[in-house]
Amino acid sequence: MEELAKKIEQILNQFIQEEMGNRLSQFAMIALKEMVINEIRNYKPGNIKDEVKK
C-alpha cells in the first residue's frame, strides 16, 4: 500500500509542478482524476504478507 501511496504522491507532485502558473481547467482535473484512478485499479501489491506486517 505504501508503494501505491508513493505513486499517487508522485502523480500529484508532477501535476502541481506542471500546472503551477496555469489556471486549472476542468480537463486538467479530469485527467488527474483518471491518472489516480488508473494507478489504484492497476495496483498489484508485491507481497501481501509484507504489507500485513507493516
Protein backbone atom coordinates (compact mmCIF):
# COMPACT_ATOMS: atom_id res chain seq x y z
CA MET A 1 0.00 0.00 0.00
CA GLU A 2 2.92 2.30 0.72
CA GLU A 3 4.10 1.74 -2.85
CA LEU A 4 0.71 2.86 -4.16
CA ALA A 5 0.77 5.95 -1.94
CA LYS A 6 4.19 6.90 -3.34
CA LYS A 7 2.95 6.55 -6.93
CA ILE A 8 -0.11 8.70 -6.22
CA GLU A 9 2.06 11.30 -4.46
CA GLN A 10 4.39 11.36 -7.47
CA ILE A 11 1.45 11.95 -9.84
CA LEU A 12 0.10 14.77 -7.66
CA ASN A 13 3.53 16.43 -7.34
CA GLN A 14 4.10 16.31 -11.08
CA PHE A 15 0.62 17.70 -11.74
CA ILE A 16 1.17 20.59 -9.33
CA GLN A 17 4.58 21.44 -10.84
CA GLU A 18 3.25 21.43 -14.39
CA GLU A 19 0.11 23.39 -13.59
CA MET A 20 1.65 25.91 -11.16
CA GLY A 21 1.17 29.15 -13.10
CA ASN A 22 -1.80 27.95 -15.11
CA ARG A 23 -5.47 28.20 -14.33
CA LEU A 24 -6.66 24.69 -13.71
CA SER A 25 -9.15 23.67 -16.30
CA GLN A 26 -11.87 21.11 -15.92
CA PHE A 27 -10.00 18.92 -18.41
CA ALA A 28 -6.83 19.02 -16.30
CA MET A 29 -8.76 17.94 -13.23
CA ILE A 30 -10.47 15.12 -15.14
CA ALA A 31 -7.09 13.93 -16.43
CA LEU A 32 -5.65 13.98 -12.91
CA LYS A 33 -8.61 12.01 -11.59
CA GLU A 34 -8.23 9.42 -14.35
CA MET A 35 -4.49 9.00 -13.66
CA VAL A 36 -5.07 8.45 -9.94
CA ILE A 37 -7.96 6.03 -10.50
CA ASN A 38 -5.92 4.05 -13.05
CA GLU A 39 -3.00 3.73 -10.63
CA ILE A 40 -5.33 2.44 -7.92
CA ARG A 41 -7.07 -0.01 -10.28
CA ASN A 42 -3.79 -1.34 -11.69
CA TYR A 43 -2.04 -1.62 -8.33
CA LYS A 44 -0.84 -5.11 -7.58
CA PRO A 45 0.88 -5.46 -4.22
CA GLY A 46 4.21 -7.26 -4.41
CA ASN A 47 3.83 -9.45 -1.37
CA ILE A 48 0.66 -9.21 0.68
CA LYS A 49 2.34 -10.76 3.75
CA ASP A 50 4.85 -7.89 3.82
CA GLU A 51 2.00 -5.38 3.58
CA VAL A 52 0.19 -7.04 6.51
CA LYS A 53 3.32 -6.99 8.71
CA LYS A 54 3.55 -3.20 8.39
